[in-house]
Amino acid sequence: MNQSQYQLAILSATILGTNYSTNSITPNQLSLGYNAIKIDFKTSFTFVSGNIYVIQLTLSNGQTLNISVVCQP
């Protein structure tokens, strides 16, 4: 089985409800199963520790994926 056929590139990330968007995502691939990514919005936006934010990922297959994240210091 070729695992690369189950990978998608993450093209961008946007914090829903804001104008903040970035393509600075590491790693910029999603695979089947658990994925851990780091997104750098490079902004002065003040994230509040413990708050939940919804981030929309735009994927290489044209789909979007909304994920809920908890801000950690």
PDB file of N, CA and C in Angstrom:
ATOM      1  N   MET A   1       0.843  -1.176   0.000  1.00  0.00           N
ATOM      2  CA  MET A   1       0.000   0.000   0.000  1.00  0.00           C
ATOM      3  C   MET A   1       0.886   1.237   0.000  1.00  0.00           C
ATOM      4  N   ASN A   2       0.626   2.149  -0.892  1.00  0.00           N
ATOM      5  CA  ASN A   2       1.376   3.384  -0.986  1.00  0.00           C
ATOM      6  C   ASN A   2       0.750   4.422  -0.064  1.00  0.00           C
ATOM      7  N   GLN A   3       1.422   4.712   1.057  1.00  0.00           N
ATOM      8  CA  GLN A   3       0.838   5.619   2.043  1.00  0.00           C
ATOM      9  C   GLN A   3       0.707   7.038   1.505  1.00  0.00           C
ATOM     10  N   SER A   4       1.538   7.447   0.527  1.00  0.00           N
ATOM     11  CA  SER A   4       1.459   8.809   0.021  1.00  0.00           C
ATOM     12  C   SER A   4       0.105   9.102  -0.619  1.00  0.00           C
ATOM     13  N   GLN A   5      -0.593   8.058  -1.078  1.00  0.00           N
ATOM     14  CA  GLN A   5      -1.921   8.294  -1.646  1.00  0.00           C
ATOM     15  C   GLN A   5      -2.929   8.701  -0.584  1.00  0.00           C
ATOM     16  N   TYR A   6      -2.567   8.555   0.692  1.00  0.00           N
ATOM     17  CA  TYR A   6      -3.446   8.933   1.796  1.00  0.00           C
ATOM     18  C   TYR A   6      -2.963  10.206   2.481  1.00  0.00           C
ATOM     19  N   GLN A   7      -2.112  10.973   1.816  1.00  0.00           N
ATOM     20  CA  GLN A   7      -1.625  12.227   2.372  1.00  0.00           C
ATOM     21  C   GLN A   7      -2.201  13.393   1.588  1.00  0.00           C
ATOM     22  N   LEU A   8      -2.483  14.469   2.289  1.00  0.00           N
ATOM     23  CA  LEU A   8      -2.946  15.706   1.673  1.00  0.00           C
ATOM     24  C   LEU A   8      -2.075  16.847   2.163  1.00  0.00           C
ATOM     25  N   ALA A   9      -1.780  17.785   1.264  1.00  0.00           N
ATOM     26  CA  ALA A   9      -1.043  18.979   1.665  1.00  0.00           C
ATOM     27  C   ALA A   9      -2.009  19.975   2.295  1.00  0.00           C
ATOM     28  N   ILE A  10      -1.529  20.660   3.314  1.00  0.00           N
ATOM     29  CA  ILE A  10      -2.286  21.763   3.919  1.00  0.00           C
ATOM     30  C   ILE A  10      -1.786  23.037   3.249  1.00  0.00           C
ATOM     31  N   LEU A  11      -2.665  23.710   2.523  1.00  0.00           N
ATOM     32  CA  LEU A  11      -2.267  24.896   1.779  1.00  0.00           C
ATOM     33  C   LEU A  11      -2.308  26.160   2.624  1.00  0.00           C
ATOM     34  N   SER A  12      -3.296  26.251   3.529  1.00  0.00           N
ATOM     35  CA  SER A  12      -3.403  27.437   4.373  1.00  0.00           C
ATOM     36  C   SER A  12      -4.254  27.128   5.596  1.00  0.00           C
ATOM     37  N   ALA A  13      -4.178  28.042   6.567  1.00  0.00           N
ATOM     38  CA  ALA A  13      -4.974  27.937   7.786  1.00  0.00           C
ATOM     39  C   ALA A  13      -5.534  29.316   8.103  1.00  0.00           C
ATOM     40  N   THR A  14      -6.802  29.362   8.501  1.00  0.00           N
ATOM     41  CA  THR A  14      -7.476  30.616   8.840  1.00  0.00           C
ATOM     42  C   THR A  14      -8.174  30.454  10.182  1.00  0.00           C
ATOM     43  N   ILE A  15      -8.054  31.460  11.052  1.00  0.00           N
ATOM     44  CA  ILE A  15      -8.811  31.460  12.301  1.00  0.00           C
ATOM     45  C   ILE A  15     -10.200  31.977  11.953  1.00  0.00           C
ATOM     46  N   LEU A  16     -11.202  31.118  12.077  1.00  0.00           N
ATOM     47  CA  LEU A  16     -12.560  31.522  11.715  1.00  0.00           C
ATOM     48  C   LEU A  16     -13.021  32.682  12.590  1.00  0.00           C
ATOM     49  N   GLY A  17     -13.722  33.613  11.975  1.00  0.00           N
ATOM     50  CA  GLY A  17     -14.200  34.791  12.681  1.00  0.00           C
ATOM     51  C   GLY A  17     -13.197  35.927  12.689  1.00  0.00           C
ATOM     52  N   THR A  18     -12.037  35.719  12.046  1.00  0.00           N
ATOM     53  CA  THR A  18     -11.005  36.757  11.960  1.00  0.00           C
ATOM     54  C   THR A  18     -10.523  36.850  10.510  1.00  0.00           C
ATOM     55  N   ASN A  19      -9.621  37.773  10.272  1.00  0.00           N
ATOM     56  CA  ASN A  19      -8.969  37.887   8.968  1.00  0.00           C
ATOM     57  C   ASN A  19      -7.579  37.263   8.986  1.00  0.00           C
ATOM     58  N   TYR A  20      -7.264  36.510  10.030  1.00  0.00           N
ATOM     59  CA  TYR A  20      -5.918  35.955  10.171  1.00  0.00           C
ATOM     60  C   TYR A  20      -5.792  34.650   9.405  1.00  0.00           C
ATOM     61  N   SER A  21      -4.826  34.628   8.489  1.00  0.00           N
ATOM     62  CA  SER A  21      -4.585  33.460   7.655  1.00  0.00           C
ATOM     63  C   SER A  21      -3.089  33.300   7.455  1.00  0.00           C
ATOM     64  N   THR A  22      -2.639  32.073   7.236  1.00  0.00           N
ATOM     65  CA  THR A  22      -1.219  31.822   7.030  1.00  0.00           C
ATOM     66  C   THR A  22      -1.015  30.545   6.213  1.00  0.00           C
ATOM     67  N   ASN A  23       0.146  30.439   5.616  1.00  0.00           N
ATOM     68  CA  ASN A  23       0.548  29.178   5.007  1.00  0.00           C
ATOM     69  C   ASN A  23       1.822  28.656   5.678  1.00  0.00           C
ATOM     70  N   SER A  24       2.137  29.226   6.850  1.00  0.00           N
ATOM     71  CA  SER A  24       3.294  28.788   7.633  1.00  0.00           C
ATOM     72  C   SER A  24       2.858  27.661   8.570  1.00  0.00           C
ATOM     73  N   ILE A  25       2.879  26.430   8.037  1.00  0.00           N
ATOM     74  CA  ILE A  25       2.358  25.256   8.739  1.00  0.00           C
ATOM     75  C   ILE A  25       3.413  24.154   8.679  1.00  0.00           C
ATOM     76  N   THR A  26       3.729  23.567   9.837  1.00  0.00           N
ATOM     77  CA  THR A  26       4.766  22.536   9.903  1.00  0.00           C
ATOM     78  C   THR A  26       4.269  21.334  10.677  1.00  0.00           C
ATOM     79  N   PRO A  27       4.347  20.132  10.158  1.00  0.00           N
ATOM     80  CA  PRO A  27       4.537  19.846   8.735  1.00  0.00           C
ATOM     81  C   PRO A  27       3.283  20.250   7.973  1.00  0.00           C
ATOM     82  N   ASN A  28       3.398  20.386   6.668  1.00  0.00           N
ATOM     83  CA  ASN A  28       2.247  20.850   5.883  1.00  0.00           C
ATOM     84  C   ASN A  28       1.538  19.682   5.194  1.00  0.00           C
ATOM     85  N   GLN A  29       1.583  18.515   5.791  1.00  0.00           N
ATOM     86  CA  GLN A  29       0.926  17.316   5.274  1.00  0.00           C
ATOM     87  C   GLN A  29       0.033  16.704   6.344  1.00  0.00           C
ATOM     88  N   LEU A  30      -1.105  16.168   5.917  1.00  0.00           N
ATOM     89  CA  LEU A  30      -1.954  15.370   6.799  1.00  0.00           C
ATOM     90  C   LEU A  30      -1.950  13.936   6.299  1.00  0.00           C
ATOM     91  N   SER A  31      -1.882  12.991   7.219  1.00  0.00           N
ATOM     92  CA  SER A  31      -1.940  11.567   6.893  1.00  0.00           C
ATOM     93  C   SER A  31      -3.119  10.957   7.629  1.00  0.00           C
ATOM     94  N   LEU A  32      -3.446   9.718   7.299  1.00  0.00           N
ATOM     95  CA  LEU A  32      -4.481   9.008   8.045  1.00  0.00           C
ATOM     96  C   LEU A  32      -4.067   8.904   9.502  1.00  0.00           C
ATOM     97  N   GLY A  33      -5.015   9.026  10.412  1.00  0.00           N
ATOM     98  CA  GLY A  33      -4.715   8.865  11.831  1.00  0.00           C
ATOM     99  C   GLY A  33      -4.433  10.186  12.516  1.00  0.00           C
ATOM    100  N   TYR A  34      -3.676  10.121  13.590  1.00  0.00           N
ATOM    101  CA  TYR A  34      -3.366  11.284  14.421  1.00  0.00           C
ATOM    102  C   TYR A  34      -2.332  12.162  13.723  1.00  0.00           C
ATOM    103  N   ASN A  35      -2.567  13.467  13.731  1.00  0.00           N
ATOM    104  CA  ASN A  35      -1.628  14.430  13.156  1.00  0.00           C
ATOM    105  C   ASN A  35      -1.381  15.551  14.156  1.00  0.00           C
ATOM    106  N   ALA A  36      -0.140  15.949  14.304  1.00  0.00           N
ATOM    107  CA  ALA A  36       0.216  17.106  15.125  1.00  0.00           C
ATOM    108  C   ALA A  36       0.896  18.105  14.198  1.00  0.00           C
ATOM    109  N   ILE A  37       0.357  19.324  14.141  1.00  0.00           N
ATOM    110  CA  ILE A  37       0.928  20.357  13.286  1.00  0.00           C
ATOM    111  C   ILE A  37       1.120  21.626  14.098  1.00  0.00           C
ATOM    112  N   LYS A  38       2.040  22.471  13.645  1.00  0.00           N
ATOM    113  CA  LYS A  38       2.270  23.772  14.262  1.00  0.00           C
ATOM    114  C   LYS A  38       1.931  24.833  13.216  1.00  0.00           C
ATOM    115  N   ILE A  39       1.092  25.793  13.608  1.00  0.00           N
ATOM    116  CA  ILE A  39       0.660  26.860  12.708  1.00  0.00           C
ATOM    117  C   ILE A  39       1.156  28.185  13.276  1.00  0.00           C
ATOM    118  N   ASP A  40       1.883  28.945  12.463  1.00  0.00           N
ATOM    119  CA  ASP A  40       2.401  30.246  12.890  1.00  0.00           C
ATOM    120  C   ASP A  40       1.637  31.332  12.144  1.00  0.00           C
ATOM    121  N   PHE A  41       0.766  32.051  12.852  1.00  0.00           N
ATOM    122  CA  PHE A  41      -0.031  33.096  12.220  1.00  0.00           C
ATOM    123  C   PHE A  41       0.735  34.416  12.093  1.00  0.00           C
ATOM    124  N   LYS A  42       1.894  34.519  12.717  1.00  0.00           N
ATOM    125  CA  LYS A  42       2.746  35.710  12.595  1.00  0.00           C
ATOM    126  C   LYS A  42       1.935  36.998  12.738  1.00  0.00           C
ATOM    127  N   THR A  43       1.234  37.102  13.848  1.00  0.00           N
ATOM    128  CA  THR A  43       0.365  38.247  14.080  1.00  0.00           C
ATOM    129  C   THR A  43       0.458  38.691  15.535  1.00  0.00           C
ATOM    130  N   SER A  44      -0.031  39.878  15.785  1.00  0.00           N
ATOM    131  CA  SER A  44      -0.064  40.377  17.159  1.00  0.00           C
ATOM    132  C   SER A  44      -1.359  39.978  17.859  1.00  0.00           C
ATOM    133  N   PHE A  45      -2.177  39.141  17.186  1.00  0.00           N
ATOM    134  CA  PHE A  45      -3.422  38.651  17.788  1.00  0.00           C
ATOM    135  C   PHE A  45      -3.101  38.005  19.126  1.00  0.00           C
ATOM    136  N   THR A  46      -3.845  38.364  20.167  1.00  0.00           N
ATOM    137  CA  THR A  46      -3.599  37.821  21.494  1.00  0.00           C
ATOM    138  C   THR A  46      -4.449  36.577  21.712  1.00  0.00           C
ATOM    139  N   PHE A  47      -3.790  35.432  21.693  1.00  0.00           N
ATOM    140  CA  PHE A  47      -4.471  34.182  21.992  1.00  0.00           C
ATOM    141  C   PHE A  47      -4.580  34.049  23.507  1.00  0.00           C
ATOM    142  N   VAL A  48      -5.719  33.607  23.981  1.00  0.00           N
ATOM    143  CA  VAL A  48      -5.938  33.457  25.416  1.00  0.00           C
ATOM    144  C   VAL A  48      -5.778  31.985  25.773  1.00  0.00           C
ATOM    145  N   SER A  49      -4.858  31.715  26.704  1.00  0.00           N
ATOM    146  CA  SER A  49      -4.596  30.348  27.122  1.00  0.00           C
ATOM    147  C   SER A  49      -5.869  29.683  27.621  1.00  0.00           C
ATOM    148  N   GLY A  50      -6.151  28.489  27.126  1.00  0.00           N
ATOM    149  CA  GLY A  50      -7.331  27.749  27.529  1.00  0.00           C
ATOM    150  C   GLY A  50      -8.545  27.988  26.645  1.00  0.00           C
ATOM    151  N   ASN A  51      -8.526  29.062  25.845  1.00  0.00           N
ATOM    152  CA  ASN A  51      -9.644  29.330  24.928  1.00  0.00           C
ATOM    153  C   ASN A  51      -9.631  28.350  23.766  1.00  0.00           C
ATOM    154  N   ILE A  52     -10.825  28.092  23.229  1.00  0.00           N
ATOM    155  CA  ILE A  52     -10.953  27.215  22.070  1.00  0.00           C
ATOM    156  C   ILE A  52     -11.126  28.084  20.831  1.00  0.00           C
ATOM    157  N   TYR A  53     -10.330  27.816  19.809  1.00  0.00           N
ATOM    158  CA  TYR A  53     -10.401  28.529  18.539  1.00  0.00           C
ATOM    159  C   TYR A  53     -10.709  27.522  17.442  1.00  0.00           C
ATOM    160  N   VAL A  54     -11.462  27.962  16.424  1.00  0.00           N
ATOM    161  CA  VAL A  54     -11.741  27.091  15.280  1.00  0.00           C
ATOM    162  C   VAL A  54     -10.865  27.555  14.127  1.00  0.00           C
ATOM    163  N   ILE A  55     -10.058  26.642  13.631  1.00  0.00           N
ATOM    164  CA  ILE A  55      -9.149  26.925  12.529  1.00  0.00           C
ATOM    165  C   ILE A  55      -9.602  26.123  11.322  1.00  0.00           C
ATOM    166  N   GLN A  56      -9.699  26.806  10.198  1.00  0.00           N
ATOM    167  CA  GLN A  56     -10.085  26.142   8.959  1.00  0.00           C
ATOM    168  C   GLN A  56      -8.832  25.888   8.128  1.00  0.00           C
ATOM    169  N   LEU A  57      -8.587  24.608   7.832  1.00  0.00           N
ATOM    170  CA  LEU A  57      -7.470  24.218   6.976  1.00  0.00           C
ATOM    171  C   LEU A  57      -7.975  24.055   5.552  1.00  0.00           C
ATOM    172  N   THR A  58      -7.266  24.631   4.596  1.00  0.00           N
ATOM    173  CA  THR A  58      -7.565  24.418   3.184  1.00  0.00           C
ATOM    174  C   THR A  58      -6.598  23.366   2.672  1.00  0.00           C
ATOM    175  N   LEU A  59      -7.156  22.297   2.096  1.00  0.00           N
ATOM    176  CA  LEU A  59      -6.362  21.134   1.702  1.00  0.00           C
ATOM    177  C   LEU A  59      -6.135  21.089   0.194  1.00  0.00           C
ATOM    178  N   SER A  60      -5.138  20.318  -0.218  1.00  0.00           N
ATOM    179  CA  SER A  60      -4.742  20.246  -1.628  1.00  0.00           C
ATOM    180  C   SER A  60      -5.785  19.601  -2.523  1.00  0.00           C
ATOM    181  N   ASN A  61      -6.757  18.910  -1.956  1.00  0.00           N
ATOM    182  CA  ASN A  61      -7.810  18.294  -2.777  1.00  0.00           C
ATOM    183  C   ASN A  61      -9.014  19.223  -2.943  1.00  0.00           C
ATOM    184  N   GLY A  62      -8.886  20.483  -2.473  1.00  0.00           N
ATOM    185  CA  GLY A  62      -9.963  21.455  -2.613  1.00  0.00           C
ATOM    186  C   GLY A  62     -10.914  21.499  -1.439  1.00  0.00           C
ATOM    187  N   GLN A  63     -10.801  20.566  -0.515  1.00  0.00           N
ATOM    188  CA  GLN A  63     -11.684  20.544   0.646  1.00  0.00           C
ATOM    189  C   GLN A  63     -11.141  21.437   1.752  1.00  0.00           C
ATOM    190  N   THR A  64     -12.031  21.782   2.684  1.00  0.00           N
ATOM    191  CA  THR A  64     -11.613  22.479   3.888  1.00  0.00           C
ATOM    192  C   THR A  64     -11.937  21.593   5.086  1.00  0.00           C
ATOM    193  N   LEU A  65     -11.181  21.768   6.140  1.00  0.00           N
ATOM    194  CA  LEU A  65     -11.344  20.989   7.362  1.00  0.00           C
ATOM    195  C   LEU A  65     -11.325  21.955   8.526  1.00  0.00           C
ATOM    196  N   ASN A  66     -12.405  21.996   9.306  1.00  0.00           N
ATOM    197  CA  ASN A  66     -12.463  22.846  10.486  1.00  0.00           C
ATOM    198  C   ASN A  66     -12.024  22.036  11.701  1.00  0.00           C
ATOM    199  N   ILE A  67     -11.071  22.588  12.440  1.00  0.00           N
ATOM    200  CA  ILE A  67     -10.575  21.915  13.639  1.00  0.00           C
ATOM    201  C   ILE A  67     -10.695  22.864  14.835  1.00  0.00           C
ATOM    202  N   SER A  68     -11.064  22.313  15.960  1.00  0.00           N
ATOM    203  CA  SER A  68     -11.114  23.089  17.203  1.00  0.00           C
ATOM    204  C   SER A  68      -9.818  22.858  17.943  1.00  0.00           C
ATOM    205  N   VAL A  69      -9.206  23.944  18.360  1.00  0.00           N
ATOM    206  CA  VAL A  69      -7.918  23.838  19.064  1.00  0.00           C
ATOM    207  C   VAL A  69      -8.005  24.625  20.359  1.00  0.00           C
ATOM    208  N   VAL A  70      -7.245  24.181  21.349  1.00  0.00           N
ATOM    209  CA  VAL A  70      -7.140  24.871  22.627  1.00  0.00           C
ATOM    210  C   VAL A  70      -5.780  25.536  22.678  1.00  0.00           C
ATOM    211  N   CYS A  71      -5.766  26.826  22.950  1.00  0.00           N
ATOM    212  CA  CYS A  71      -4.516  27.566  23.030  1.00  0.00           C
ATOM    213  C   CYS A  71      -3.724  27.099  24.246  1.00  0.00           C
ATOM    214  N   GLN A  72      -2.456  26.726  23.998  1.00  0.00           N
ATOM    215  CA  GLN A  72      -1.558  26.322  25.068  1.00  0.00           C
ATOM    216  C   GLN A  72      -0.370  27.259  25.097  1.00  0.00           C
ATOM    217  N   PRO A  73       0.039  27.687  26.287  1.00  0.00           N
ATOM    218  CA  PRO A  73       1.186  28.628  26.385  1.00  0.00           C
ATOM    219  C   PRO A  73       2.475  27.975  25.968  1.00  0.00           C
TER     220      PRO A  73
END
